[in-house]
Amino acid sequence: MSSEGKKLFNIIILGVSFMFIFTAFQSCGNIAQTVITNLNNTDFHGSGYTSMSIIYGVLSASNLISPSLVAVVGPQFSMVVSGVFYSLYIAVFIQPATWAFYTASVLIGIAAAVLWTAQGNCLTENSDENTIGRNSGIFWALLQCSLIFGNLYIYFAWQGKTHISESDRRTVFIALTVISLVGTVLFFLIRKQEDTKAPGDDDSTNEILGESSSARNKMMRAVAAFKKSITLSFTKEMLLLSVTTAYTGLVLTFFSGVYGTCIGAVNRFGSEEKSLIGLSGIFIGVGEILGGGVFGLLSKKNRSGRNPVVMLGILVHFIAFYLIFFNMPNDAPIAPMEGTDQVAYMVPSKEVAMLCSFLLGLGDSCFNTQLLSILGFLYSEDSAPAFAIFKFVQSICAAVAYFYSNYFLLQWQLLIMVLVGFFGTITFFTVEWGAAAALAARGSDYSSI
């Protein structure tokens, strides 16, 4: 197999592995609060929102050390170990215990930081400035297929049910645990790239993340990766992109946890309210996959760079937020187990709710594919620290959002996302214009990015 063929193979395996793991994890996130609500009349007293807040809080802090960990053990093994912890978190729901639930939340936060740092490194190592857009799209489209399969099962398994029984819960989470383990095993199929570092090339990613039998060299690479993370954090481009990244963290919280909870709490949806959570996840996945395919796989035909895609993303999200504001009761995110009988500005419509799910996924893919692309382009030689900073900002904002989701009415959550999304779009435009100018200065084709 040619070098280019091997790189494309690695990207596909990377995407498929993440697809399996996040088929399990995202499905778990979508239904966690609903399942926990049904458990809270037992000895279990956990909160899905609190758990996700812990996960993303620990994830954000762990991103400070994740480049060093990846430097020491390598990206492939880092992803394998992280995948195991994802599986353990999901398995906790088979027989829930409050202490195990929150302990697993802490552990998966650390694992997630390592997993996404290693993913960014693997994506960049198998791409160049001409293929980073395509590869980002392939990875994102495969990853977001995860929203289809798990939620499709939930939709059919829970159709017509207003209460989730112990048997229903165990069946779902045993299946999700096995799916997560399959994705973890697939990481072993990723093929290592040959070391092409030129002599004296001290700043390349291969130096920071290359393999060595010397413990001293590994420690030096770990320290170098940590220092590079701190340095990159205060560059102009990274600070500007952090606003955009913060917005993706807020949106991640909303569509992966809050919106599904809102749908499941609307009593006017009748006996379909629980199964609609799964259907909503499917429509989010369709939007994510469509966006990943159109704006990633076809990026070579885009002569205008990344800004039009991000502009489309924010417009799509604003439309979705407007419709959700009119369609969903204001107390839906914090409704009790009995649900809510309130009505917003229109009688709750299942069709509008599913349309909004699709728009949330489509807009999110617009932002994430372009962020992955611009980070891989700007920081091709410092990929692990750059992607660690990206996940640090995204996850800390997701943690904050999960925390206030316990208390804020729907209208305030939507307003926060509108404001941060507006400013995040402007800051992304600023960085993209700078990247285009730098590329033009060295005589490269702007459409190649």
Protein backbone atom coordinates (compact mmCIF):
# COMPACT_ATOMS: atom_id res chain seq x y z
CA MET A 1 0.00 0.00 0.00
CA SER A 2 1.33 3.45 -0.91
CA SER A 3 2.13 6.01 1.77
CA GLU A 4 -0.95 8.06 0.83
CA GLY A 5 -3.12 4.95 0.84
CA LYS A 6 -1.84 4.00 4.29
CA LYS A 7 -2.65 7.46 5.61
CA LEU A 8 -6.18 7.34 4.22
CA PHE A 9 -6.63 3.85 5.71
CA ASN A 10 -5.55 5.20 9.12
CA ILE A 11 -8.03 8.08 8.89
CA ILE A 12 -10.87 5.68 8.06
CA ILE A 13 -9.95 3.32 10.91
CA LEU A 14 -9.68 6.31 13.26
CA GLY A 15 -13.15 7.47 12.23
CA VAL A 16 -14.71 4.00 12.49
CA SER A 17 -13.17 3.42 15.93
CA PHE A 18 -14.55 6.71 17.20
CA MET A 19 -17.89 5.88 15.58
CA PHE A 20 -18.23 2.71 17.68
CA ILE A 21 -17.06 4.33 20.93
CA PHE A 22 -19.28 7.36 20.54
CA THR A 23 -22.24 5.33 19.31
CA ALA A 24 -22.17 4.04 22.86
CA PHE A 25 -21.13 7.19 24.73
CA GLN A 26 -23.32 9.75 22.96
CA SER A 27 -26.33 7.46 23.16
CA CYS A 28 -25.54 7.13 26.86
CA GLY A 29 -25.36 10.91 27.19
CA ASN A 30 -28.66 11.42 25.40
CA ILE A 31 -30.58 9.07 27.68
CA ALA A 32 -28.59 9.36 30.92
CA GLN A 33 -30.72 12.07 32.56
CA THR A 34 -33.94 10.32 31.48
CA VAL A 35 -32.73 6.97 32.87
CA ILE A 36 -31.49 8.59 36.09
CA THR A 37 -34.81 10.36 36.59
CA ASN A 38 -36.42 6.91 36.62
CA LEU A 39 -33.83 5.70 39.16
CA ASN A 40 -34.05 8.54 41.66
CA ASN A 41 -36.87 6.91 43.62
CA THR A 42 -34.38 4.13 44.50
CA ASP A 43 -31.06 4.20 46.40
CA PHE A 44 -29.42 5.92 43.44
CA HIS A 45 -29.21 9.70 43.79
CA GLY A 46 -26.99 10.84 40.93
CA SER A 47 -27.60 13.55 38.33
CA GLY A 48 -26.81 13.18 34.65
CA TYR A 49 -26.18 16.90 34.32
CA THR A 50 -23.81 16.86 37.31
CA SER A 51 -21.99 13.83 35.92
CA MET A 52 -21.43 15.49 32.56
CA SER A 53 -20.30 18.66 34.31
CA ILE A 54 -17.71 16.60 36.22
CA ILE A 55 -16.60 14.86 33.03
CA TYR A 56 -16.01 18.06 31.12
CA GLY A 57 -14.50 19.84 34.10
CA VAL A 58 -11.94 17.07 34.64
CA LEU A 59 -11.42 16.84 30.87
CA SER A 60 -10.55 20.53 30.68
CA ALA A 61 -8.01 20.28 33.49
CA SER A 62 -6.56 17.04 32.10
CA ASN A 63 -5.81 18.69 28.77
CA LEU A 64 -2.96 20.49 30.51
CA ILE A 65 -1.12 17.16 30.87
CA SER A 66 -2.59 15.09 28.02
CA PRO A 67 0.08 16.12 25.45
CA SER A 68 2.75 14.89 27.85
CA LEU A 69 0.95 11.57 28.40
CA VAL A 70 0.54 11.06 24.66
CA ALA A 71 4.21 11.93 24.19
CA VAL A 72 5.26 9.22 26.63
CA VAL A 73 3.02 6.31 25.59
CA GLY A 74 2.24 7.21 21.95
CA PRO A 75 -1.09 8.15 20.33
CA GLN A 76 -2.23 4.62 19.46
CA PHE A 77 -1.86 3.12 22.94
CA SER A 78 -3.29 6.33 24.45
CA MET A 79 -6.49 5.84 22.44
CA VAL A 80 -6.75 2.17 23.39
CA VAL A 81 -6.50 2.83 27.14
CA SER A 82 -8.91 5.76 26.87
CA GLY A 83 -11.43 3.58 25.04
CA VAL A 84 -11.37 1.09 27.91
CA PHE A 85 -12.34 3.83 30.37
CA TYR A 86 -15.19 4.94 28.10
CA SER A 87 -16.50 1.38 28.21
CA LEU A 88 -16.25 1.25 32.01
CA TYR A 89 -18.28 4.47 32.32
CA ILE A 90 -21.08 3.08 30.18
CA ALA A 91 -21.01 -0.23 32.08
CA VAL A 92 -21.78 1.63 35.34
CA PHE A 93 -25.38 2.10 34.13
CA ILE A 94 -25.92 -1.68 34.00
CA GLN A 95 -26.11 -1.69 37.82
CA PRO A 96 -25.91 1.96 38.90
CA ALA A 97 -24.38 3.06 42.18
CA THR A 98 -23.95 6.73 43.03
CA TRP A 99 -20.28 6.43 44.09
CA ALA A 100 -19.35 4.38 41.00
CA PHE A 101 -21.21 6.79 38.73
CA TYR A 102 -19.30 9.86 39.92
CA THR A 103 -15.95 8.02 40.15
CA ALA A 104 -16.35 6.87 36.56
CA SER A 105 -17.20 10.45 35.60
CA VAL A 106 -13.81 11.60 36.90
CA LEU A 107 -11.91 8.78 35.17
CA ILE A 108 -13.58 9.27 31.81
CA GLY A 109 -12.79 12.98 32.00
CA ILE A 110 -9.07 12.14 32.12
CA ALA A 111 -9.47 9.50 29.41
CA ALA A 112 -11.34 11.89 27.12
CA ALA A 113 -8.56 14.48 27.28
CA VAL A 114 -5.99 11.87 26.28
CA LEU A 115 -8.25 10.37 23.60
CA TRP A 116 -8.92 13.65 21.80
CA THR A 117 -5.32 14.85 22.05
CA ALA A 118 -4.15 11.57 20.50
CA GLN A 119 -6.89 11.82 17.85
CA GLY A 120 -5.72 15.29 16.81
CA ASN A 121 -2.16 14.08 16.59
CA CYS A 122 -3.13 11.01 14.56
CA LEU A 123 -5.28 13.11 12.20
CA THR A 124 -2.48 15.61 11.60
CA GLU A 125 0.25 12.96 11.20
CA ASN A 126 -1.80 11.35 8.43
CA SER A 127 -2.59 14.61 6.62
CA ASP A 128 -0.87 17.53 4.91
CA GLU A 129 -2.13 20.99 3.99
CA ASN A 130 -3.75 19.59 0.83
CA THR A 131 -5.60 16.73 2.57
CA ILE A 132 -6.39 18.11 6.04
CA GLY A 133 -9.80 19.42 4.93
CA ARG A 134 -10.73 16.12 3.28
CA ASN A 135 -9.48 14.01 6.17
CA SER A 136 -11.24 16.19 8.75
CA GLY A 137 -14.47 15.68 6.81
CA ILE A 138 -14.02 11.90 6.54
CA PHE A 139 -13.27 11.61 10.25
CA TRP A 140 -16.16 13.85 11.28
CA ALA A 141 -18.70 12.09 9.02
CA LEU A 142 -17.67 8.65 10.33
CA LEU A 143 -17.66 9.86 13.93
CA GLN A 144 -21.15 11.31 13.64
CA CYS A 145 -22.56 8.07 12.25
CA SER A 146 -22.47 7.20 15.96
CA LEU A 147 -25.54 9.36 16.47
CA ILE A 148 -27.52 7.23 14.02
CA PHE A 149 -27.04 3.67 15.23
CA GLY A 150 -27.38 3.95 19.01
CA ASN A 151 -30.32 6.32 18.84
CA LEU A 152 -32.07 4.18 16.22
CA TYR A 153 -31.97 1.27 18.67
CA ILE A 154 -33.25 3.47 21.50
CA TYR A 155 -36.08 4.78 19.32
CA PHE A 156 -37.43 1.30 18.55
CA ALA A 157 -36.64 -0.25 21.95
CA TRP A 158 -38.36 2.52 23.92
CA GLN A 159 -41.22 3.28 21.56
CA GLY A 160 -44.49 3.72 23.46
CA LYS A 161 -42.84 3.56 26.89
CA THR A 162 -43.32 6.26 29.50
CA HIS A 163 -41.21 4.49 32.14
CA ILE A 164 -37.82 2.82 31.64
CA SER A 165 -37.74 -0.53 33.43
CA GLU A 166 -34.67 -2.16 34.95
CA SER A 167 -34.67 -4.80 32.22
CA ASP A 168 -34.85 -2.14 29.49
CA ARG A 169 -31.97 -0.23 31.03
CA ARG A 170 -29.70 -3.26 31.42
CA THR A 171 -30.31 -4.48 27.88
CA VAL A 172 -29.45 -1.09 26.39
CA PHE A 173 -26.30 -0.50 28.42
CA ILE A 174 -24.88 -4.02 28.01
CA ALA A 175 -25.21 -3.56 24.25
CA LEU A 176 -23.61 -0.08 24.40
CA THR A 177 -20.69 -1.38 26.50
CA VAL A 178 -19.91 -4.10 23.95
CA ILE A 179 -20.09 -1.59 21.09
CA SER A 180 -17.62 0.69 22.89
CA LEU A 181 -15.16 -2.19 23.40
CA VAL A 182 -15.32 -3.06 19.68
CA GLY A 183 -14.27 0.50 18.82
CA THR A 184 -11.42 0.31 21.31
CA VAL A 185 -10.04 -2.88 19.75
CA LEU A 186 -10.13 -1.32 16.28
CA PHE A 187 -7.47 1.22 17.31
CA PHE A 188 -4.93 -1.61 17.03
CA LEU A 189 -5.43 -1.58 13.25
CA ILE A 190 -3.95 1.90 12.84
CA ARG A 191 -0.61 1.60 11.06
CA LYS A 192 2.39 3.58 12.23
CA GLN A 193 3.91 6.14 9.88
CA GLU A 194 7.56 5.97 8.93
CA ASP A 195 9.72 8.62 10.54
CA THR A 196 10.42 11.21 7.84
CA LYS A 197 11.95 13.84 10.14
CA ALA A 198 14.95 15.53 8.60
CA PRO A 199 18.14 15.69 10.67
CA GLY A 200 18.15 18.78 12.83
CA ASP A 201 14.39 19.32 12.56
CA ASP A 202 13.94 20.00 16.26
CA ASP A 203 10.42 21.42 16.16
CA SER A 204 8.57 18.67 14.35
CA THR A 205 5.72 16.74 15.87
CA ASN A 206 7.76 13.56 15.47
CA GLU A 207 10.26 14.81 18.01
CA ILE A 208 7.58 15.54 20.57
CA LEU A 209 5.55 12.39 19.97
CA GLY A 210 8.06 9.97 18.45
CA GLU A 211 8.80 6.65 20.11
CA SER A 212 11.98 6.06 22.05
CA SER A 213 13.23 3.39 24.37
CA SER A 214 14.96 5.99 26.50
CA ALA A 215 12.95 6.99 29.56
CA ARG A 216 14.94 10.23 29.74
CA ASN A 217 14.07 11.17 26.18
CA LYS A 218 10.41 10.40 26.82
CA MET A 219 10.44 12.66 29.87
CA MET A 220 12.09 15.43 27.85
CA ARG A 221 9.40 15.10 25.17
CA ALA A 222 6.68 15.19 27.82
CA VAL A 223 8.10 18.41 29.30
CA ALA A 224 8.51 19.90 25.81
CA ALA A 225 4.87 19.07 24.97
CA PHE A 226 3.67 20.73 28.18
CA LYS A 227 5.73 23.88 27.53
CA LYS A 228 4.49 24.02 23.94
CA SER A 229 0.87 23.82 25.16
CA ILE A 230 1.42 26.79 27.48
CA THR A 231 3.13 28.80 24.74
CA LEU A 232 0.45 28.13 22.13
CA SER A 233 -2.32 29.03 24.58
CA PHE A 234 -1.32 32.69 24.49
CA THR A 235 -0.83 33.13 20.76
CA LYS A 236 -3.20 35.56 19.05
CA GLU A 237 -4.71 32.90 16.77
CA MET A 238 -5.37 30.42 19.56
CA LEU A 239 -6.96 33.06 21.79
CA LEU A 240 -9.30 34.11 18.97
CA LEU A 241 -10.18 30.51 18.07
CA SER A 242 -10.89 29.85 21.74
CA VAL A 243 -14.06 31.95 21.50
CA THR A 244 -15.29 29.81 18.60
CA THR A 245 -14.27 26.67 20.46
CA ALA A 246 -16.16 27.85 23.55
CA TYR A 247 -19.31 28.08 21.45
CA THR A 248 -18.91 24.49 20.23
CA GLY A 249 -18.65 23.41 23.88
CA LEU A 250 -21.94 25.10 24.76
CA VAL A 251 -23.67 23.62 21.71
CA LEU A 252 -22.23 20.17 22.48
CA THR A 253 -23.85 20.29 25.91
CA PHE A 254 -27.15 21.44 24.48
CA PHE A 255 -27.64 18.88 21.72
CA SER A 256 -25.99 15.92 23.50
CA GLY A 257 -27.78 16.25 26.81
CA VAL A 258 -30.17 19.14 27.31
CA TYR A 259 -32.25 18.99 24.13
CA GLY A 260 -32.99 15.28 24.45
CA THR A 261 -34.04 15.84 28.05
CA CYS A 262 -36.36 18.66 26.91
CA ILE A 263 -38.05 16.41 24.35
CA GLY A 264 -38.47 13.59 26.88
CA ALA A 265 -40.10 15.98 29.36
CA VAL A 266 -42.86 17.30 27.08
CA ASN A 267 -46.03 15.45 28.10
CA ARG A 268 -47.92 16.73 25.07
CA PHE A 269 -45.82 14.38 22.92
CA GLY A 270 -47.77 11.57 24.57
CA SER A 271 -46.47 8.02 24.70
CA GLU A 272 -43.77 8.86 22.14
CA GLU A 273 -41.88 11.31 24.34
CA LYS A 274 -39.18 8.82 25.41
CA SER A 275 -38.65 7.21 21.99
CA LEU A 276 -38.44 10.69 20.45
CA ILE A 277 -35.17 11.17 22.35
CA GLY A 278 -33.63 8.48 20.15
CA LEU A 279 -35.23 9.89 17.00
CA SER A 280 -33.87 13.34 17.86
CA GLY A 281 -30.38 11.86 18.15
CA ILE A 282 -30.80 10.28 14.71
CA PHE A 283 -31.72 13.61 13.13
CA ILE A 284 -28.78 15.30 14.85
CA GLY A 285 -26.56 12.57 13.40
CA VAL A 286 -27.98 13.04 9.89
CA GLY A 287 -27.19 16.74 10.10
CA GLU A 288 -23.65 16.04 11.38
CA ILE A 289 -22.94 13.46 8.66
CA LEU A 290 -24.33 15.65 5.89
CA GLY A 291 -22.22 18.58 7.07
CA GLY A 292 -19.10 16.45 7.40
CA GLY A 293 -19.57 15.07 3.89
CA VAL A 294 -20.43 18.29 2.10
CA PHE A 295 -17.98 20.61 3.87
CA GLY A 296 -15.18 18.10 4.43
CA LEU A 297 -15.11 15.60 1.59
CA LEU A 298 -15.92 18.29 -1.00
CA SER A 299 -13.63 20.93 0.51
CA LYS A 300 -11.33 20.87 -2.51
CA LYS A 301 -14.11 22.43 -4.59
CA ASN A 302 -14.54 25.29 -2.13
CA ARG A 303 -12.64 28.27 -3.50
CA SER A 304 -13.64 30.63 -0.69
CA GLY A 305 -12.01 28.97 2.31
CA ARG A 306 -13.67 28.17 5.61
CA ASN A 307 -15.59 31.36 6.41
CA PRO A 308 -18.70 30.67 4.29
CA VAL A 309 -19.12 27.29 5.99
CA VAL A 310 -18.90 28.83 9.46
CA MET A 311 -21.34 31.57 8.40
CA LEU A 312 -23.79 28.90 7.25
CA GLY A 313 -23.31 27.10 10.58
CA ILE A 314 -24.21 30.10 12.72
CA LEU A 315 -27.25 30.98 10.57
CA VAL A 316 -28.53 27.39 10.77
CA HIS A 317 -28.08 27.40 14.55
CA PHE A 318 -29.86 30.72 14.99
CA ILE A 319 -32.84 29.36 13.07
CA ALA A 320 -32.81 26.24 15.26
CA PHE A 321 -32.66 28.28 18.48
CA TYR A 322 -35.56 30.47 17.33
CA LEU A 323 -37.74 27.44 16.56
CA ILE A 324 -36.83 25.70 19.82
CA PHE A 325 -37.73 28.86 21.74
CA PHE A 326 -41.19 28.81 20.16
CA ASN A 327 -41.71 25.04 20.32
CA MET A 328 -40.37 23.91 23.70
CA PRO A 329 -41.76 24.77 27.17
CA ASN A 330 -39.43 27.04 29.08
CA ASP A 331 -39.13 24.65 32.04
CA ALA A 332 -38.39 21.55 29.93
CA PRO A 333 -34.65 21.30 30.84
CA ILE A 334 -35.41 21.15 34.57
CA ALA A 335 -38.79 19.40 34.57
CA PRO A 336 -39.44 16.71 37.23
CA MET A 337 -39.90 13.00 36.50
CA GLU A 338 -43.58 13.61 35.72
CA GLY A 339 -42.61 15.93 32.86
CA THR A 340 -44.15 19.30 32.01
CA ASP A 341 -47.58 20.23 30.69
CA GLN A 342 -46.60 23.80 29.90
CA VAL A 343 -46.77 25.21 26.37
CA ALA A 344 -44.39 27.75 24.81
CA TYR A 345 -45.57 30.02 21.98
CA MET A 346 -47.04 27.16 19.97
CA VAL A 347 -48.41 23.71 20.67
CA PRO A 348 -45.30 21.46 20.87
CA SER A 349 -44.72 19.89 17.45
CA LYS A 350 -42.78 16.66 16.97
CA GLU A 351 -41.98 17.65 13.39
CA VAL A 352 -40.51 21.01 14.43
CA ALA A 353 -38.57 19.31 17.23
CA MET A 354 -36.98 16.86 14.78
CA LEU A 355 -36.22 19.66 12.29
CA CYS A 356 -34.40 21.51 15.05
CA SER A 357 -32.40 18.36 15.85
CA PHE A 358 -31.27 18.18 12.22
CA LEU A 359 -30.34 21.88 12.19
CA LEU A 360 -28.38 21.53 15.44
CA GLY A 361 -26.32 18.70 13.93
CA LEU A 362 -25.76 20.47 10.60
CA GLY A 363 -24.61 23.69 12.25
CA ASP A 364 -22.35 21.85 14.67
CA SER A 365 -20.63 20.01 11.82
CA CYS A 366 -20.00 23.33 10.05
CA PHE A 367 -18.08 24.63 13.06
CA ASN A 368 -16.21 21.47 14.02
CA THR A 369 -15.01 20.44 10.56
CA GLN A 370 -13.63 23.92 9.98
CA LEU A 371 -12.02 24.12 13.42
CA LEU A 372 -10.33 20.74 12.92
CA SER A 373 -9.15 21.89 9.50
CA ILE A 374 -7.75 25.26 10.57
CA LEU A 375 -6.02 23.79 13.64
CA GLY A 376 -4.40 21.07 11.53
CA PHE A 377 -3.30 23.71 9.03
CA LEU A 378 -1.98 26.33 11.46
CA TYR A 379 -0.34 23.89 13.89
CA SER A 380 0.74 20.99 11.69
CA GLU A 381 4.00 20.66 13.63
CA ASP A 382 2.46 21.14 17.07
CA SER A 383 -0.71 19.13 16.62
CA ALA A 384 -0.94 17.46 20.05
CA PRO A 385 -0.61 20.67 22.09
CA ALA A 386 -2.94 22.55 19.71
CA PHE A 387 -5.70 19.95 19.89
CA ALA A 388 -5.24 19.69 23.66
CA ILE A 389 -5.93 23.43 23.96
CA PHE A 390 -8.94 23.04 21.67
CA LYS A 391 -10.42 20.31 23.89
CA PHE A 392 -9.47 22.22 27.05
CA VAL A 393 -11.54 25.24 26.05
CA GLN A 394 -14.39 23.20 24.57
CA SER A 395 -14.68 20.91 27.56
CA ILE A 396 -14.50 23.59 30.25
CA CYS A 397 -17.33 25.46 28.52
CA ALA A 398 -19.29 22.21 28.23
CA ALA A 399 -18.76 21.63 31.96
CA VAL A 400 -20.05 25.10 32.79
CA ALA A 401 -23.05 24.58 30.51
CA TYR A 402 -23.92 21.22 32.09
CA PHE A 403 -23.72 22.85 35.51
CA TYR A 404 -26.09 25.71 34.71
CA SER A 405 -28.42 23.32 32.85
CA ASN A 406 -29.52 22.14 36.29
CA TYR A 407 -30.90 25.59 37.05
CA PHE A 408 -31.42 27.77 33.95
CA LEU A 409 -34.68 27.89 32.04
CA LEU A 410 -34.54 27.17 28.32
CA GLN A 411 -34.70 30.81 27.21
CA TRP A 412 -31.53 31.73 29.12
CA GLN A 413 -29.60 28.76 27.78
CA LEU A 414 -30.55 29.73 24.22
CA LEU A 415 -29.58 33.38 24.80
CA ILE A 416 -26.12 32.41 26.07
CA MET A 417 -25.48 30.32 22.96
CA VAL A 418 -26.65 33.12 20.64
CA LEU A 419 -24.27 35.65 22.20
CA VAL A 420 -21.21 33.38 22.34
CA GLY A 421 -21.93 32.05 18.82
CA PHE A 422 -22.07 35.57 17.37
CA PHE A 423 -18.69 36.58 18.78
CA GLY A 424 -17.17 33.17 18.04
CA THR A 425 -18.04 33.54 14.37
CA ILE A 426 -16.35 36.94 14.20
CA THR A 427 -13.15 35.65 15.83
CA PHE A 428 -13.02 32.66 13.47
CA PHE A 429 -13.31 35.00 10.49
CA THR A 430 -10.38 37.02 11.81
CA VAL A 431 -8.11 33.99 12.09
CA GLU A 432 -9.16 32.64 8.69
CA TRP A 433 -8.41 35.93 6.97
CA GLY A 434 -4.95 35.85 8.55
CA ALA A 435 -4.38 32.27 7.39
CA ALA A 436 -5.45 33.18 3.85
CA ALA A 437 -3.08 36.14 3.79
CA ALA A 438 -0.17 34.00 5.02
CA LEU A 439 -0.91 31.36 2.41
CA ALA A 440 -1.12 33.92 -0.38
CA ALA A 441 2.20 35.41 0.74
CA ARG A 442 3.96 32.12 0.08
CA GLY A 443 2.21 31.58 -3.23
CA SER A 444 -0.11 28.70 -2.31
CA ASP A 445 -3.66 28.19 -3.53
CA TYR A 446 -6.18 29.35 -0.89
CA SER A 447 -8.64 26.64 -1.89
CA SER A 448 -6.15 23.97 -0.80
CA ILE A 449 -6.79 24.66 2.87
